[in-house]
Amino acid sequence: MVAEEAALNFADFYDAELALHNAHFRVAAAVGRSDRVLDIGCGAGQTTRDAARAAEAGRAHGIDLSATMLEIARRRSAEEGLPNATFELADAQNYHFAKGEFDLCISRFGVMFFADPAVAFANIANAVRPGGRFIFMVWQGRDHNEWATAIHEALDPDSTGPAASKAFSLSEPSVTSGLLETAGFTAIEFREINEPVFYGPDPETALATIQTFENVKSALDRPATTAEIRARLLDMLEAHQTPYGIQFDSRAWLITGRRYGDSPPCFIGDFRSA
């Protein structure tokens, strides 16, 4: 029961955190009435349900690696009367999709953690029909995301810098464009999204949430410094109190691409080598 409540709390936190990003994402996705939509890393299913509502004569299929989040997604879809929203425990890197079975693939911060991004994007391309679209959001670099730097500095003020994180693995446009082109996508565009993330109405609520993060949990497991670290985290969160709650600056990329046909397009030159 405790684990289920924690999962529900995290699902609600995550959707609230990204509410402003989700507004941009939903518009860019422009889901059509008859679209067949694949949602990668769907979590508790907010983006899948949004797609299912728009694709009233189509369907939206969400996949994720968390069975707990998928149970929440199924329950909420049933409560909202969305029989065309379905969910499955699966890894998009190696799941066997039928060739071209989807018109549109979407992902809101769900594609940065693949063990082999090149293999994963190629598999996603196989699932999208020729002419179909791929729309996803990823974080820009760590230095452009205050939520990452501020928490790290509060945990360890003397550190020279945090270790690399997969959360920022697709932050470099030239690298991500190369992966997409090789996989089978063209007409690739990057749009910067500059919106704050929301961590709760007040510092205590925000602290309760970030204490579930792995780096925060690990730091607080050291009894000798727990009180000191907790005090620094509260000070940091108080410094980010706004009339709209605890907010941090963030930068993301909203990336779009289109699946070309069976034969790759002929590129004149290669901008990555210019």
Protein backbone atom coordinates (compact mmCIF):
# COMPACT_ATOMS: atom_id res chain seq x y z
CA MET A 1 0.00 0.00 0.00
CA VAL A 2 2.84 2.37 0.86
CA ALA A 3 4.62 1.56 -2.41
CA GLU A 4 1.42 2.13 -4.40
CA GLU A 5 0.83 5.48 -2.71
CA ALA A 6 4.43 6.50 -3.43
CA ALA A 7 3.98 5.57 -7.09
CA LEU A 8 0.77 7.59 -7.33
CA ASN A 9 2.44 10.58 -5.69
CA PHE A 10 5.37 10.38 -8.09
CA ALA A 11 3.06 10.10 -11.11
CA ASP A 12 1.16 13.21 -10.01
CA PHE A 13 4.42 15.05 -9.29
CA TYR A 14 5.88 14.20 -12.69
CA ASP A 15 2.84 15.40 -14.63
CA ALA A 16 2.70 18.60 -12.56
CA GLU A 17 6.45 19.15 -12.99
CA LEU A 18 6.12 19.08 -16.77
CA ALA A 19 2.73 20.76 -17.19
CA LEU A 20 4.10 23.72 -19.16
CA HIS A 21 6.26 21.47 -21.32
CA ASN A 22 3.30 19.19 -21.97
CA ALA A 23 1.27 22.07 -23.41
CA HIS A 24 3.92 22.61 -26.10
CA PHE A 25 4.28 18.89 -26.66
CA ARG A 26 0.56 18.29 -27.19
CA VAL A 27 0.32 21.08 -29.77
CA ALA A 28 3.39 19.89 -31.67
CA ALA A 29 2.15 16.30 -31.74
CA ALA A 30 -1.00 17.44 -33.59
CA VAL A 31 -2.53 13.97 -33.27
CA GLY A 32 -5.06 13.29 -36.02
CA ARG A 33 -8.49 11.78 -35.51
CA SER A 34 -7.53 8.43 -37.08
CA ASP A 35 -3.87 8.30 -36.07
CA ARG A 36 -2.22 5.18 -34.67
CA VAL A 37 0.11 6.54 -32.01
CA LEU A 38 3.04 4.90 -30.19
CA ASP A 39 4.08 6.58 -26.91
CA ILE A 40 7.56 5.59 -25.69
CA GLY A 41 8.34 5.86 -21.98
CA CYS A 42 4.72 6.71 -21.26
CA GLY A 43 4.98 6.39 -17.47
CA ALA A 44 1.57 6.86 -15.86
CA GLY A 45 0.09 7.58 -19.28
CA GLN A 46 -0.76 11.27 -19.42
CA THR A 47 0.65 11.72 -22.93
CA THR A 48 -0.94 8.46 -24.11
CA ARG A 49 -4.33 9.56 -22.83
CA ASP A 50 -3.94 12.96 -24.50
CA ALA A 51 -3.18 11.17 -27.77
CA ALA A 52 -6.10 8.76 -27.36
CA ARG A 53 -8.55 11.62 -26.85
CA ALA A 54 -7.35 13.27 -30.07
CA ALA A 55 -7.24 9.98 -32.02
CA GLU A 56 -10.86 9.14 -31.33
CA ALA A 57 -11.08 6.96 -34.44
CA GLY A 58 -7.53 5.64 -34.00
CA ARG A 59 -5.58 4.39 -31.03
CA ALA A 60 -2.71 5.24 -28.69
CA HIS A 61 -0.37 2.58 -27.35
CA GLY A 62 1.97 3.43 -24.48
CA ILE A 63 5.03 1.39 -23.55
CA ASP A 64 7.23 1.69 -20.48
CA LEU A 65 9.65 -0.30 -18.33
CA SER A 66 7.73 0.28 -15.08
CA ALA A 67 4.92 -2.17 -14.39
CA THR A 68 3.77 0.01 -11.49
CA MET A 69 3.41 3.12 -13.66
CA LEU A 70 1.59 1.12 -16.33
CA GLU A 71 -0.97 -0.10 -13.80
CA ILE A 72 -1.68 3.52 -12.89
CA ALA A 73 -1.92 4.36 -16.60
CA ARG A 74 -4.44 1.58 -17.27
CA ARG A 75 -6.56 2.56 -14.27
CA ARG A 76 -6.65 6.23 -15.20
CA SER A 77 -7.48 5.46 -18.83
CA ALA A 78 -10.41 3.31 -17.72
CA GLU A 79 -11.61 6.04 -15.35
CA GLU A 80 -11.47 8.55 -18.20
CA GLY A 81 -13.33 6.26 -20.61
CA LEU A 82 -10.53 5.79 -23.14
CA PRO A 83 -10.79 2.25 -24.55
CA ASN A 84 -8.46 3.21 -27.42
CA ALA A 85 -5.58 3.79 -24.98
CA THR A 86 -3.59 0.61 -24.36
CA PHE A 87 -0.39 -0.04 -22.42
CA GLU A 88 2.37 -2.64 -22.48
CA LEU A 89 5.52 -3.43 -20.53
CA ALA A 90 8.20 -3.17 -23.21
CA ASP A 91 11.59 -1.72 -24.14
CA ALA A 92 11.45 0.23 -27.42
CA GLN A 93 15.06 -0.70 -28.15
CA ASN A 94 14.34 -4.37 -28.74
CA TYR A 95 10.55 -4.80 -28.89
CA HIS A 96 9.34 -6.46 -32.09
CA PHE A 97 7.04 -3.89 -33.68
CA ALA A 98 5.14 -4.70 -36.86
CA LYS A 99 6.68 -2.75 -39.71
CA GLY A 100 4.98 0.61 -40.20
CA GLU A 101 2.19 -0.08 -37.71
CA PHE A 102 2.10 3.49 -36.37
CA ASP A 103 1.45 6.86 -38.02
CA LEU A 104 3.07 8.80 -35.22
CA CYS A 105 5.57 8.08 -32.46
CA ILE A 106 5.76 10.42 -29.47
CA SER A 107 7.89 10.55 -26.35
CA ARG A 108 8.03 13.13 -23.57
CA PHE A 109 11.48 12.73 -22.02
CA GLY A 110 11.39 8.97 -22.55
CA VAL A 111 14.14 8.26 -25.11
CA MET A 112 17.33 9.42 -23.35
CA PHE A 113 18.05 6.21 -21.44
CA PHE A 114 18.53 3.56 -24.12
CA ALA A 115 21.55 1.31 -23.74
CA ASP A 116 22.14 1.63 -27.50
CA PRO A 117 20.37 4.70 -28.95
CA ALA A 118 21.29 3.83 -32.55
CA VAL A 119 19.61 0.43 -32.28
CA ALA A 120 16.63 1.93 -30.46
CA PHE A 121 16.01 4.67 -33.03
CA ALA A 122 16.31 2.17 -35.88
CA ASN A 123 13.71 -0.03 -34.19
CA ILE A 124 11.41 2.95 -33.66
CA ALA A 125 11.81 3.90 -37.34
CA ASN A 126 10.72 0.40 -38.32
CA ALA A 127 7.50 0.90 -36.33
CA VAL A 128 6.60 4.16 -38.11
CA ARG A 129 5.06 4.08 -41.59
CA PRO A 130 6.77 5.92 -44.47
CA GLY A 131 5.80 9.57 -44.14
CA GLY A 132 4.90 9.10 -40.48
CA ARG A 133 6.22 11.40 -37.78
CA PHE A 134 8.44 11.10 -34.71
CA ILE A 135 8.06 13.85 -32.08
CA PHE A 136 9.91 13.82 -28.79
CA MET A 137 11.28 15.99 -26.01
CA VAL A 138 14.71 15.72 -24.40
CA TRP A 139 16.65 17.91 -22.01
CA GLN A 140 19.32 20.26 -23.24
CA GLY A 141 22.68 20.12 -21.43
CA ARG A 142 22.91 19.99 -17.65
CA ASP A 143 24.23 23.56 -17.45
CA HIS A 144 21.00 24.78 -19.05
CA ASN A 145 18.84 23.01 -16.46
CA GLU A 146 18.83 24.64 -13.05
CA TRP A 147 16.86 21.78 -11.48
CA ALA A 148 19.90 19.52 -12.02
CA THR A 149 22.65 21.91 -11.01
CA ALA A 150 20.91 23.37 -7.95
CA ILE A 151 20.14 20.00 -6.39
CA HIS A 152 23.66 18.72 -7.01
CA GLU A 153 25.25 21.82 -5.46
CA ALA A 154 23.01 21.53 -2.39
CA LEU A 155 24.01 17.89 -1.96
CA ASP A 156 27.73 18.53 -2.35
CA PRO A 157 28.82 22.20 -2.42
CA ASP A 158 32.50 21.23 -2.70
CA SER A 159 32.11 18.97 -5.70
CA THR A 160 33.83 19.97 -8.94
CA GLY A 161 30.81 18.79 -10.89
CA PRO A 162 28.29 15.96 -11.15
CA ALA A 163 28.93 12.75 -13.00
CA ALA A 164 27.55 12.38 -16.50
CA SER A 165 23.86 11.54 -16.64
CA LYS A 166 21.86 9.73 -19.30
CA ALA A 167 19.17 12.36 -18.82
CA PHE A 168 21.29 14.66 -21.02
CA SER A 169 22.50 12.04 -23.50
CA LEU A 170 20.60 13.56 -26.47
CA SER A 171 21.26 17.21 -25.68
CA GLU A 172 23.66 17.82 -28.58
CA PRO A 173 21.69 18.47 -31.81
CA SER A 174 24.39 17.21 -34.19
CA VAL A 175 24.62 13.88 -32.35
CA THR A 176 20.86 13.39 -32.14
CA SER A 177 20.34 14.43 -35.77
CA GLY A 178 22.94 11.88 -36.84
CA LEU A 179 21.19 9.11 -34.91
CA LEU A 180 17.83 10.02 -36.43
CA GLU A 181 19.13 10.26 -39.99
CA THR A 182 20.92 6.93 -39.74
CA ALA A 183 17.76 5.34 -38.33
CA GLY A 184 15.60 6.51 -41.20
CA PHE A 185 14.23 9.96 -40.38
CA THR A 186 14.49 13.19 -42.36
CA ALA A 187 13.14 16.76 -42.11
CA ILE A 188 14.60 16.90 -38.59
CA GLU A 189 13.94 20.08 -36.63
CA PHE A 190 14.87 21.28 -33.14
CA ARG A 191 12.76 23.80 -31.26
CA GLU A 192 13.93 25.19 -27.92
CA ILE A 193 11.43 25.02 -25.07
CA ASN A 194 12.22 27.41 -22.24
CA GLU A 195 9.76 26.76 -19.43
CA PRO A 196 10.19 26.32 -15.67
CA VAL A 197 9.65 22.96 -14.03
CA PHE A 198 7.36 22.83 -10.99
CA TYR A 199 8.49 20.97 -7.86
CA GLY A 200 5.61 21.63 -5.49
CA PRO A 201 3.69 24.45 -3.78
CA ASP A 202 6.21 24.91 -0.94
CA PRO A 203 9.72 23.82 0.14
CA GLU A 204 8.61 21.01 2.48
CA THR A 205 6.43 19.41 -0.20
CA ALA A 206 9.20 19.75 -2.76
CA LEU A 207 11.72 18.24 -0.36
CA ALA A 208 9.48 15.22 0.24
CA THR A 209 9.42 14.68 -3.52
CA ILE A 210 13.10 15.10 -4.30
CA GLN A 211 13.99 12.78 -1.42
CA THR A 212 12.79 10.00 -3.74
CA PHE A 213 15.47 10.90 -6.33
CA GLU A 214 18.34 8.42 -6.32
CA ASN A 215 21.11 10.98 -5.81
CA VAL A 216 19.22 12.67 -2.96
CA LYS A 217 18.28 9.36 -1.36
CA SER A 218 21.91 8.22 -1.45
CA ALA A 219 23.16 11.46 0.11
CA LEU A 220 20.59 11.30 2.90
CA ASP A 221 21.58 7.71 3.71
CA ARG A 222 24.72 9.06 5.39
CA PRO A 223 23.47 9.68 8.97
CA ALA A 224 26.39 11.92 9.94
CA THR A 225 25.43 14.54 7.35
CA THR A 226 21.68 13.98 6.92
CA ALA A 227 20.59 17.05 8.92
CA GLU A 228 23.14 19.28 7.19
CA ILE A 229 22.16 18.14 3.71
CA ARG A 230 18.45 18.41 4.46
CA ALA A 231 18.97 22.00 5.68
CA ARG A 232 20.87 22.90 2.50
CA LEU A 233 18.16 21.36 0.33
CA LEU A 234 15.46 23.33 2.15
CA ASP A 235 17.44 26.56 1.77
CA MET A 236 17.87 25.88 -1.93
CA LEU A 237 14.16 25.15 -2.39
CA GLU A 238 13.15 28.26 -0.43
CA ALA A 239 15.33 30.31 -2.79
CA HIS A 240 13.20 29.00 -5.67
CA GLN A 241 9.83 29.82 -4.14
CA THR A 242 7.70 31.84 -6.57
CA PRO A 243 4.04 32.93 -6.51
CA TYR A 244 3.42 29.76 -8.53
CA GLY A 245 5.27 27.39 -6.20
CA ILE A 246 8.80 25.99 -6.30
CA GLN A 247 10.13 26.46 -9.84
CA PHE A 248 13.46 25.93 -11.59
CA ASP A 249 14.62 27.19 -14.96
CA SER A 250 14.94 24.52 -17.62
CA ARG A 251 15.77 24.15 -21.29
CA ALA A 252 14.54 21.33 -23.49
CA TRP A 253 14.53 20.40 -27.16
CA LEU A 254 11.29 19.53 -28.91
CA ILE A 255 12.49 17.45 -31.85
CA THR A 256 10.49 16.43 -34.90
CA GLY A 257 11.34 14.14 -37.80
CA ARG A 258 9.59 12.31 -40.59
CA ARG A 259 10.08 8.70 -41.62
CA TYR A 260 11.24 8.39 -45.22
CA GLY A 261 10.36 5.46 -47.45
CA ASP A 262 12.15 2.18 -48.06
CA SER A 263 15.03 3.95 -49.82
CA PRO A 264 17.00 6.57 -47.86
CA PRO A 265 16.99 10.11 -49.29
CA CYS A 266 20.03 11.39 -51.12
CA PHE A 267 21.78 13.99 -48.95
CA ILE A 268 23.96 16.56 -50.70
CA GLY A 269 26.96 16.74 -48.39
CA ASP A 270 26.76 16.30 -44.65
CA PHE A 271 26.31 19.28 -42.34
CA ARG A 272 27.92 17.36 -39.47
CA SER A 273 31.27 17.33 -41.26
CA ALA A 274 31.15 20.98 -42.31
